[in-house]
């Protein structure tokens, strides 16, 4: 017990020192709260995405997968940090002191990113409390309407939860209603016009309202559209859609800044650790751990590795610009640190890759595009611009297919017509056919989805019983 107390006091001293160093280097973060948690708790948080959230079978499935990888020493979650104010960080019980020092330095940079990056500006910093309150409501729905029914509806909403418009506020006012009658000035004698007006028209000029599209323009926020306009939903069901949409709005900035955020945190944990007075053993342990974090992969992008390399390259190029860069961009040199803070403030993964992944970096990091052929992988392209554009394509809209509501009253029968904004990447047909019944459950009427297969337009439809497909 005394030994544990001594280790905690030593960690507390280290945290104070690291915070002091981080602030001295220019990082700006919310007040920090650190907690040490056993593996079961950390991996529960990792599976649920937050310390408090509604229950669902998919979270349990994710937990067992993560925990199994930890038990077999295949992977390890050293920490979890929450985008909140104050910022909460949970450290894995059993971490060595040097591991916790690196983790704390890494976490502080994440918090700096959460606080200062433009894409996080509108996130709910009290989401921990909001999720906890929503979880209690969901439990009350299970008691009132039955766990199976609530879980079935959760399954349906979670199937489409990524189809939101992260820039669309639910409080945004709708278009002002106008009709032919609004153009006429009201007078005390307006009732005389009622003698010959057609049914459904409030004026007496014999006009007829023009049929309008519903929605008036394609609607990207499928979650919001269905929450507002699905006619058969009960209030508890609309509440579930609203909660899951709010949660996705909270997680979306993290999804669209994975590379730049992890690169920023890795960049700073190295610089902060260099400022600490480490003994020989700690320096070796830190080097091993850092090497493991940024180790590149041959079959996927390591966001820690790619992110830190781009930040280091930006700093180097703005500190020591070439003669061409001095003349073309008016760079004076010595502006590297200022530039990376600017990038941290305004960019997401797409703009980060587009603007700062250079030909030299692609060649240095040996980046390439590949595809799977049988059980093997074949490199398809190493041209730097093609590689860059391929990365951007996979990151656009967080890798989620761009689907819009074209018509909420298709065929004048209240059916839902969706359209996939095809840009060269086909939808997974198996996933599509499993998702349409979920959309039907929410909408309550037949649903249709237009997409392309082999460059040919095709319409998938589900009427509550079977899925049909026809080329159009």
Protein backbone atom coordinates (compact mmCIF):
# COMPACT_ATOMS: atom_id res chain seq x y z
CA UNK A 1 0.00 0.00 0.00
CA UNK A 2 2.81 2.39 0.90
CA UNK A 3 4.63 1.44 -2.30
CA UNK A 4 1.51 2.19 -4.38
CA UNK A 5 1.05 5.51 -2.60
CA UNK A 6 4.66 6.41 -3.34
CA UNK A 7 4.25 5.60 -7.04
CA UNK A 8 1.13 7.76 -7.27
CA UNK A 9 2.90 10.69 -5.61
CA UNK A 10 5.79 10.30 -8.03
CA UNK A 11 3.35 10.24 -10.94
CA UNK A 12 1.61 13.37 -9.61
CA UNK A 13 4.93 15.18 -9.48
CA UNK A 14 5.71 14.04 -13.03
CA UNK A 15 2.31 15.27 -14.26
CA UNK A 16 2.90 18.71 -12.74
CA UNK A 17 6.30 18.92 -14.41
CA UNK A 18 4.97 17.77 -17.79
CA UNK A 19 2.09 20.27 -17.66
CA UNK A 20 4.58 23.04 -16.87
CA UNK A 21 6.80 22.03 -19.82
CA UNK A 22 3.83 21.72 -22.20
CA UNK A 23 2.57 25.20 -21.36
CA UNK A 24 6.09 26.57 -21.77
CA UNK A 25 6.18 25.09 -25.27
CA UNK A 26 2.96 26.89 -26.18
CA UNK A 27 0.31 24.20 -25.72
CA UNK A 28 -3.05 25.50 -24.52
CA UNK A 29 -5.44 22.96 -22.99
CA UNK A 30 -8.40 22.69 -20.65
CA UNK A 31 -7.89 21.80 -16.96
CA UNK A 32 -6.85 18.14 -16.79
CA UNK A 33 -8.26 15.31 -14.68
CA UNK A 34 -6.30 12.04 -14.62
CA UNK A 35 -7.57 8.70 -13.31
CA UNK A 36 -5.83 5.32 -13.14
CA UNK A 37 -8.14 2.47 -14.20
CA UNK A 38 -7.79 -1.34 -14.47
CA UNK A 39 -7.75 -2.91 -17.94
CA UNK A 40 -11.41 -4.01 -17.72
CA UNK A 41 -12.54 -0.40 -17.21
CA UNK A 42 -10.26 1.09 -19.87
CA UNK A 43 -11.41 -1.47 -22.44
CA UNK A 44 -15.05 -0.93 -21.49
CA UNK A 45 -14.57 2.79 -22.10
CA UNK A 46 -12.84 1.99 -25.39
CA UNK A 47 -15.69 -0.27 -26.54
CA UNK A 48 -18.42 2.19 -25.59
CA UNK A 49 -16.45 5.22 -26.81
CA UNK A 50 -17.16 7.03 -23.53
CA UNK A 51 -17.28 6.27 -19.78
CA UNK A 52 -21.11 6.56 -19.72
CA UNK A 53 -23.36 5.57 -22.63
CA UNK A 54 -26.49 3.59 -23.44
CA UNK A 55 -26.13 -0.20 -23.59
CA UNK A 56 -26.09 -2.15 -26.84
CA UNK A 57 -24.91 -5.61 -27.85
CA UNK A 58 -22.39 -4.15 -30.35
CA UNK A 59 -20.48 -2.47 -27.51
CA UNK A 60 -20.14 -5.81 -25.73
CA UNK A 61 -18.86 -7.39 -28.94
CA UNK A 62 -16.27 -4.60 -29.31
CA UNK A 63 -15.23 -5.00 -25.67
CA UNK A 64 -14.52 -8.74 -26.00
CA UNK A 65 -12.49 -8.14 -29.16
CA UNK A 66 -10.38 -5.40 -27.54
CA UNK A 67 -9.96 -7.32 -24.29
CA UNK A 68 -8.92 -10.49 -26.11
CA UNK A 69 -6.24 -8.57 -28.01
CA UNK A 70 -4.99 -7.18 -24.70
CA UNK A 71 -5.02 -10.61 -22.98
CA UNK A 72 -3.01 -12.14 -25.83
CA UNK A 73 -0.66 -9.14 -25.88
CA UNK A 74 -1.64 -8.29 -29.47
CA UNK A 75 -2.47 -4.67 -28.69
CA UNK A 76 -2.67 -2.37 -25.71
CA UNK A 77 -4.64 0.78 -24.88
CA UNK A 78 -2.35 2.89 -22.68
CA UNK A 79 -4.87 5.67 -22.16
CA UNK A 80 -8.16 7.18 -23.16
CA UNK A 81 -8.81 10.91 -23.35
CA UNK A 82 -12.20 12.63 -23.51
CA UNK A 83 -12.93 15.84 -25.42
CA UNK A 84 -14.52 17.73 -22.54
CA UNK A 85 -13.97 20.71 -20.26
CA UNK A 86 -12.31 19.81 -17.93
CA UNK A 87 -10.53 17.21 -20.03
CA UNK A 88 -10.60 13.68 -18.57
CA UNK A 89 -7.82 11.18 -19.21
CA UNK A 90 -7.83 7.57 -18.01
CA UNK A 91 -4.47 5.84 -17.57
CA UNK A 92 -4.09 2.07 -17.71
CA UNK A 93 -3.32 0.46 -14.37
CA UNK A 94 0.01 -1.34 -14.65
CA UNK A 95 1.67 1.27 -16.85
CA UNK A 96 5.22 1.95 -15.78
CA UNK A 97 6.08 5.48 -14.68
CA UNK A 98 7.89 6.23 -17.96
CA UNK A 99 4.91 4.91 -19.93
CA UNK A 100 2.59 7.20 -17.99
CA UNK A 101 4.91 10.14 -18.57
CA UNK A 102 4.75 9.61 -22.33
CA UNK A 103 0.98 9.07 -22.16
CA UNK A 104 0.44 12.28 -20.16
CA UNK A 105 2.51 14.28 -22.67
CA UNK A 106 0.54 12.71 -25.52
CA UNK A 107 -2.80 13.44 -23.81
CA UNK A 108 -1.97 17.11 -23.20
CA UNK A 109 -1.36 17.61 -26.91
CA UNK A 110 -4.68 15.91 -27.71
CA UNK A 111 -6.46 18.27 -25.33
CA UNK A 112 -4.70 21.25 -26.92
CA UNK A 113 -5.99 20.01 -30.28
CA UNK A 114 -9.55 19.54 -28.98
CA UNK A 115 -9.59 23.05 -27.56
CA UNK A 116 -8.04 24.93 -30.48
CA UNK A 117 -8.86 23.09 -33.71
CA UNK A 118 -11.65 24.77 -35.69
CA UNK A 119 -13.43 21.49 -36.44
CA UNK A 120 -14.07 20.95 -32.72
CA UNK A 121 -15.39 24.46 -32.13
CA UNK A 122 -19.06 23.47 -31.94
CA UNK A 123 -18.74 20.16 -30.09
CA UNK A 124 -20.58 19.66 -26.83
CA UNK A 125 -17.96 19.85 -24.04
CA UNK A 126 -20.53 18.45 -21.58
CA UNK A 127 -21.18 15.30 -23.60
CA UNK A 128 -20.22 13.05 -20.66
CA UNK A 129 -23.19 14.30 -18.67
CA UNK A 130 -25.49 14.32 -21.71
CA UNK A 131 -24.67 10.70 -22.51
CA UNK A 132 -25.23 9.63 -18.92
CA UNK A 133 -28.67 11.27 -18.79
CA UNK A 134 -29.63 9.78 -22.18
CA UNK A 135 -28.58 6.31 -21.00
CA UNK A 136 -30.98 6.60 -18.06
CA UNK A 137 -33.83 7.56 -20.42
CA UNK A 138 -33.05 4.61 -22.70
CA UNK A 139 -33.24 2.24 -19.71
CA UNK A 140 -36.66 3.67 -18.86
CA UNK A 141 -37.77 3.01 -22.47
CA UNK A 142 -36.66 -0.62 -22.12
CA UNK A 143 -38.77 -1.02 -18.99
CA UNK A 144 -41.80 0.67 -20.60
CA UNK A 145 -41.72 -0.70 -24.15
CA UNK A 146 -39.64 -3.84 -23.79
CA UNK A 147 -35.92 -4.36 -24.18
CA UNK A 148 -36.26 -6.28 -27.44
CA UNK A 149 -38.28 -3.53 -29.13
CA UNK A 150 -35.92 -0.78 -27.99
CA UNK A 151 -32.87 -2.78 -29.06
CA UNK A 152 -34.40 -3.46 -32.47
CA UNK A 153 -34.96 0.24 -32.98
CA UNK A 154 -31.44 1.03 -31.77
CA UNK A 155 -30.11 -1.46 -34.33
CA UNK A 156 -31.93 0.42 -37.07
CA UNK A 157 -30.77 3.89 -36.01
CA UNK A 158 -27.16 2.77 -35.49
CA UNK A 159 -27.17 1.38 -39.05
CA UNK A 160 -27.55 4.92 -40.43
CA UNK A 161 -26.03 7.00 -37.63
CA UNK A 162 -23.10 8.19 -39.74
CA UNK A 163 -25.41 9.76 -42.33
CA UNK A 164 -25.57 13.23 -40.86
CA UNK A 165 -24.64 16.72 -41.95
CA UNK A 166 -22.05 17.81 -39.36
CA UNK A 167 -22.53 21.44 -40.41
CA UNK A 168 -26.32 21.44 -40.11
CA UNK A 169 -27.76 22.68 -36.82
CA UNK A 170 -31.01 21.11 -35.69
CA UNK A 171 -32.11 24.62 -34.64
CA UNK A 172 -31.63 26.00 -38.12
CA UNK A 173 -34.89 27.70 -39.16
CA UNK A 174 -36.71 26.27 -42.14
CA UNK A 175 -37.62 28.31 -45.23
CA UNK A 176 -40.33 30.88 -44.71
CA UNK A 177 -43.65 29.65 -46.07
CA UNK A 178 -44.99 31.71 -48.95
CA UNK A 179 -47.96 31.26 -51.22
CA UNK A 180 -49.83 33.31 -53.74
CA UNK A 181 -52.06 34.72 -51.02
CA UNK A 182 -49.16 36.18 -49.08
CA UNK A 183 -48.44 38.52 -51.96
CA UNK A 184 -51.86 40.22 -51.61
CA UNK A 185 -52.33 42.95 -49.02
CA UNK A 186 -54.93 42.01 -46.37
CA UNK A 187 -58.04 44.29 -46.20
CA UNK A 188 -61.32 44.29 -44.26
CA UNK A 189 -63.08 43.11 -47.44
CA UNK A 190 -61.01 39.98 -48.08
CA UNK A 191 -63.95 37.72 -47.22
CA UNK A 192 -65.63 38.80 -50.46
CA UNK A 193 -62.90 36.99 -52.37
CA UNK A 194 -63.88 33.69 -50.76
CA UNK A 195 -66.91 33.31 -53.04
CA UNK A 196 -65.06 31.82 -55.99
CA UNK A 197 -61.73 30.64 -54.62
CA UNK A 198 -60.72 27.00 -55.27
CA UNK A 199 -60.52 24.57 -52.39
CA UNK A 200 -57.21 24.74 -50.55
CA UNK A 201 -56.42 28.30 -51.68
CA UNK A 202 -56.76 31.16 -49.24
CA UNK A 203 -57.11 33.83 -51.90
CA UNK A 204 -59.87 34.43 -54.41
CA UNK A 205 -57.85 34.84 -57.57
CA UNK A 206 -58.41 31.28 -58.70
CA UNK A 207 -54.71 30.42 -58.34
CA UNK A 208 -53.38 26.95 -57.63
CA UNK A 209 -50.32 26.20 -55.56
CA UNK A 210 -47.45 24.68 -57.44
CA UNK A 211 -46.32 21.23 -56.37
CA UNK A 212 -43.04 21.52 -54.48
CA UNK A 213 -40.29 19.01 -54.00
CA UNK A 214 -40.06 17.38 -50.62
CA UNK A 215 -37.45 18.17 -49.52
CA UNK A 216 -36.98 21.30 -51.65
CA UNK A 217 -33.35 20.32 -52.27
CA UNK A 218 -31.46 17.08 -51.61
CA UNK A 219 -31.02 16.60 -47.87
CA UNK A 220 -27.71 15.21 -46.64
CA UNK A 221 -28.75 14.78 -43.02
CA UNK A 222 -30.69 11.53 -43.24
CA UNK A 223 -30.90 11.21 -39.45
CA UNK A 224 -32.42 14.66 -39.03
CA UNK A 225 -34.81 14.24 -41.98
CA UNK A 226 -36.19 10.96 -40.67
CA UNK A 227 -36.46 12.25 -37.12
CA UNK A 228 -38.53 15.19 -38.33
CA UNK A 229 -40.64 13.58 -41.04
CA UNK A 230 -41.13 9.84 -40.36
CA UNK A 231 -44.88 9.86 -39.68
CA UNK A 232 -45.28 6.77 -37.51
CA UNK A 233 -42.51 7.35 -34.97
CA UNK A 234 -43.34 7.65 -31.30
CA UNK A 235 -41.71 10.33 -29.17
CA UNK A 236 -39.30 7.89 -27.50
CA UNK A 237 -38.12 6.78 -30.94
CA UNK A 238 -37.55 10.36 -32.08
CA UNK A 239 -35.60 10.89 -28.85
CA UNK A 240 -33.33 7.93 -29.65
CA UNK A 241 -32.64 9.29 -33.14
CA UNK A 242 -31.91 12.72 -31.69
CA UNK A 243 -29.51 11.35 -29.07
CA UNK A 244 -27.58 9.18 -31.53
CA UNK A 245 -27.38 12.08 -33.97
CA UNK A 246 -26.01 14.38 -31.25
CA UNK A 247 -23.44 11.74 -30.32
CA UNK A 248 -22.35 11.37 -33.95
CA UNK A 249 -22.00 15.16 -34.21
CA UNK A 250 -19.72 14.91 -31.17
CA UNK A 251 -17.60 12.08 -32.60
CA UNK A 252 -17.47 13.38 -36.19
CA UNK A 253 -14.60 15.89 -35.65
CA UNK A 254 -12.53 13.09 -34.15
CA UNK A 255 -13.24 10.93 -37.19
CA UNK A 256 -12.18 13.66 -39.60
CA UNK A 257 -8.96 14.57 -37.74
CA UNK A 258 -7.51 11.17 -36.85
CA UNK A 259 -4.22 11.62 -38.72
CA UNK A 260 -3.56 15.26 -37.88
CA UNK A 261 -4.65 14.82 -34.23
CA UNK A 262 -2.48 11.76 -33.60
CA UNK A 263 0.39 13.38 -35.51
CA UNK A 264 0.11 16.49 -33.33
CA UNK A 265 0.07 14.44 -30.11
CA UNK A 266 3.04 12.32 -31.25
CA UNK A 267 5.02 15.39 -32.31
CA UNK A 268 4.62 16.95 -28.87
CA UNK A 269 5.11 13.90 -26.70
CA UNK A 270 8.57 13.56 -28.25
CA UNK A 271 9.48 17.19 -27.57
CA UNK A 272 8.09 17.18 -24.05
CA UNK A 273 9.87 13.96 -23.12
CA UNK A 274 13.15 15.43 -24.35
CA UNK A 275 12.74 18.21 -21.77
CA UNK A 276 12.48 15.72 -18.89
CA UNK A 277 15.50 14.57 -16.96
CA UNK A 278 15.34 10.87 -17.87
CA UNK A 279 17.86 8.34 -16.65
CA UNK A 280 19.45 5.86 -19.05
CA UNK A 281 16.85 3.12 -18.47
CA UNK A 282 13.93 5.53 -18.91
CA UNK A 283 15.42 6.93 -22.14
CA UNK A 284 15.68 3.42 -23.61
CA UNK A 285 12.14 2.52 -22.48
CA UNK A 286 10.78 5.72 -23.99
CA UNK A 287 12.58 5.10 -27.28
CA UNK A 288 11.11 1.59 -27.51
CA UNK A 289 7.60 2.77 -26.75
CA UNK A 290 7.77 5.68 -29.18
CA UNK A 291 9.13 3.40 -31.93
CA UNK A 292 6.18 1.07 -31.36
CA UNK A 293 3.70 3.94 -31.60
CA UNK A 294 4.96 5.27 -34.95
CA UNK A 295 5.93 1.96 -36.54
CA UNK A 296 4.74 2.05 -40.19
CA UNK A 297 2.63 -0.70 -41.72
CA UNK A 298 2.81 -2.19 -45.21
CA UNK A 299 -0.98 -2.68 -45.49
CA UNK A 300 -2.51 0.36 -43.77
CA UNK A 301 -1.79 3.95 -42.79
CA UNK A 302 -0.44 4.45 -39.27
CA UNK A 303 -1.94 7.88 -38.39
CA UNK A 304 0.70 8.48 -35.68
CA UNK A 305 3.53 7.89 -38.17
CA UNK A 306 2.12 9.81 -41.13
CA UNK A 307 0.93 12.68 -38.94
CA UNK A 308 4.20 13.27 -37.10
CA UNK A 309 6.22 13.04 -40.32
CA UNK A 310 4.07 15.68 -42.02
CA UNK A 311 4.31 18.04 -39.02
CA UNK A 312 8.08 17.62 -38.84
CA UNK A 313 8.34 18.26 -42.58
CA UNK A 314 6.21 21.42 -42.31
CA UNK A 315 8.38 22.76 -39.51
CA UNK A 316 11.57 22.01 -41.43
CA UNK A 317 10.35 23.61 -44.67
CA UNK A 318 9.09 26.77 -43.01
CA UNK A 319 12.23 27.08 -40.88
CA UNK A 320 14.57 26.59 -43.84
CA UNK A 321 12.74 27.50 -47.07
CA UNK A 322 14.44 27.04 -50.40
CA UNK A 323 15.23 30.07 -52.51
CA UNK A 324 12.23 29.28 -54.71
CA UNK A 325 9.95 29.10 -51.66
CA UNK A 326 11.31 32.40 -50.34
CA UNK A 327 10.47 34.17 -53.58
CA UNK A 328 7.22 32.39 -54.45
CA UNK A 329 5.64 32.30 -50.97
CA UNK A 330 7.53 35.14 -49.27
CA UNK A 331 8.87 32.82 -46.57
CA UNK A 332 11.55 34.35 -44.41
CA UNK A 333 12.66 31.28 -42.49
CA UNK A 334 12.37 30.45 -38.81
CA UNK A 335 8.55 30.27 -39.04
CA UNK A 336 8.21 26.53 -38.58
CA UNK A 337 6.78 26.50 -35.05
CA UNK A 338 4.31 29.25 -35.87
CA UNK A 339 3.21 27.37 -39.00
CA UNK A 340 2.48 24.05 -37.30
CA UNK A 341 0.32 25.83 -34.71
CA UNK A 342 -1.58 27.44 -37.58
CA UNK A 343 -2.09 24.04 -39.22
CA UNK A 344 -3.27 22.59 -35.91
CA UNK A 345 -5.88 25.35 -35.68
CA UNK A 346 -7.51 25.19 -39.11
CA UNK A 347 -6.94 21.83 -40.82
CA UNK A 348 -8.58 18.42 -40.82
CA UNK A 349 -7.19 15.22 -42.35
CA UNK A 350 -8.31 16.02 -45.91
CA UNK A 351 -6.78 19.51 -46.02
CA UNK A 352 -3.73 18.31 -44.06
CA UNK A 353 -2.96 15.63 -46.66
CA UNK A 354 -3.91 17.78 -49.65
CA UNK A 355 -1.81 20.77 -48.62
CA UNK A 356 1.22 19.23 -46.94
CA UNK A 357 1.85 15.71 -48.23
CA UNK A 358 4.65 16.45 -50.70
CA UNK A 359 6.29 14.40 -53.41
CA UNK A 360 9.44 14.13 -51.28
CA UNK A 361 7.45 12.81 -48.30
CA UNK A 362 5.57 10.22 -50.37
CA UNK A 363 8.90 8.91 -51.66
CA UNK A 364 10.60 9.07 -48.26
CA UNK A 365 7.77 7.21 -46.50
CA UNK A 366 7.41 4.78 -49.43
CA UNK A 367 3.67 5.34 -49.73
CA UNK A 368 1.71 3.55 -52.45
CA UNK A 369 -1.76 2.40 -53.47
CA UNK A 370 -2.51 -1.31 -53.54
CA UNK A 371 -5.34 -3.78 -53.97
CA UNK A 372 -5.93 -7.29 -52.82
CA UNK A 373 -5.55 -10.08 -55.37
CA UNK A 374 -6.57 -13.41 -53.86
CA UNK A 375 -4.56 -13.81 -50.69
CA UNK A 376 -1.85 -11.41 -51.80
CA UNK A 377 -1.58 -7.63 -52.19
CA UNK A 378 -0.51 -5.91 -55.40
CA UNK A 379 0.88 -2.37 -55.61
CA UNK A 380 -1.17 -0.46 -58.17
CA UNK A 381 0.40 3.01 -58.15
CA UNK A 382 3.35 4.90 -56.63
CA UNK A 383 2.89 8.24 -58.40
CA UNK A 384 2.90 10.75 -55.56
CA UNK A 385 -0.12 12.77 -56.72
CA UNK A 386 -2.16 9.63 -57.32
CA UNK A 387 -1.21 8.35 -53.87
CA UNK A 388 -2.13 11.67 -52.26
CA UNK A 389 -5.46 11.85 -54.10
CA UNK A 390 -6.22 8.23 -53.22
CA UNK A 391 -5.70 8.98 -49.54
CA UNK A 392 -7.94 12.05 -49.79
CA UNK A 393 -10.68 10.06 -51.53
CA UNK A 394 -10.72 7.51 -48.70
CA UNK A 395 -10.83 10.27 -46.08
CA UNK A 396 -13.53 12.43 -47.68
CA UNK A 397 -16.73 12.46 -45.60
CA UNK A 398 -14.81 10.28 -43.10
CA UNK A 399 -14.99 7.41 -45.58
CA UNK A 400 -18.80 7.30 -45.30
CA UNK A 401 -20.78 7.05 -48.59
CA UNK A 402 -22.42 10.37 -49.44
CA UNK A 403 -26.15 9.63 -49.56
CA UNK A 404 -28.92 12.24 -49.79
CA UNK A 405 -32.69 12.26 -49.49
CA UNK A 406 -34.02 13.01 -52.98
CA UNK A 407 -37.71 12.56 -52.27
CA UNK A 408 -39.65 12.02 -49.07
CA UNK A 409 -42.94 11.46 -50.90
CA UNK A 410 -41.85 9.27 -53.78
CA UNK A 411 -44.73 8.14 -55.97
CA UNK A 412 -47.06 10.34 -53.89
CA UNK A 413 -47.19 7.42 -51.47
CA UNK A 414 -44.92 8.75 -48.73
CA UNK A 415 -42.08 6.46 -49.82
CA UNK A 416 -38.44 7.44 -49.27
CA UNK A 417 -36.10 7.86 -52.24
CA UNK A 418 -32.39 8.07 -51.44
CA UNK A 419 -29.55 8.72 -53.86
CA UNK A 420 -25.90 7.74 -53.53
CA UNK A 421 -23.67 10.54 -54.84
CA UNK A 422 -21.44 8.20 -56.81
CA UNK A 423 -17.81 9.30 -57.23
CA UNK A 424 -16.16 6.17 -58.55
CA UNK A 425 -16.50 4.00 -55.43
CA UNK A 426 -19.32 1.47 -55.43
CA UNK A 427 -21.39 0.66 -52.36
CA UNK A 428 -21.01 -2.70 -50.67
CA UNK A 429 -24.15 -4.41 -51.99
CA UNK A 430 -24.32 -6.91 -49.12
CA UNK A 431 -24.15 -4.09 -46.58
CA UNK A 432 -26.66 -2.06 -48.60
CA UNK A 433 -29.21 -4.89 -48.63
CA UNK A 434 -28.83 -5.38 -44.89
CA UNK A 435 -29.27 -1.66 -44.21
CA UNK A 436 -32.42 -0.94 -46.25
CA UNK A 437 -34.71 -2.93 -43.87
CA UNK A 438 -33.39 -0.78 -41.00
CA UNK A 439 -34.28 2.38 -42.92
CA UNK A 440 -37.73 0.91 -43.60
CA UNK A 441 -38.25 0.23 -39.90
CA UNK A 442 -37.64 3.90 -39.10
CA UNK A 443 -39.48 5.43 -42.07
CA UNK A 444 -42.42 3.03 -41.95
CA UNK A 445 -42.89 2.90 -45.72
CA UNK A 446 -41.02 1.47 -48.73
CA UNK A 447 -37.53 2.86 -49.29
CA UNK A 448 -35.47 3.14 -52.47
CA UNK A 449 -31.77 3.78 -53.02
CA UNK A 450 -30.28 4.84 -56.34
CA UNK A 451 -26.60 4.09 -56.94
CA UNK A 452 -24.30 2.78 -59.66
CA UNK A 453 -22.89 -0.68 -60.31
CA UNK A 454 -20.38 -1.10 -63.12
CA UNK A 455 -21.06 2.56 -64.00
CA UNK A 456 -24.76 1.79 -64.62
CA UNK A 457 -27.56 3.43 -62.57
CA UNK A 458 -29.44 0.90 -60.46
CA UNK A 459 -32.30 1.22 -57.99
CA UNK A 460 -32.57 -0.95 -54.88
CA UNK A 461 -35.98 -1.05 -53.20
CA UNK A 462 -37.37 -2.60 -50.03
CA UNK A 463 -41.12 -2.84 -49.39
CA UNK A 464 -41.07 -4.51 -45.98
CA UNK A 465 -40.85 -8.02 -47.34
CA UNK A 466 -38.20 -8.29 -50.04
CA UNK A 467 -35.43 -6.33 -51.76
CA UNK A 468 -35.63 -5.77 -55.49
CA UNK A 469 -33.04 -4.39 -57.88
CA UNK A 470 -33.53 -2.87 -61.31
CA UNK A 471 -31.30 -0.94 -63.69
CA UNK A 472 -32.68 2.48 -64.57
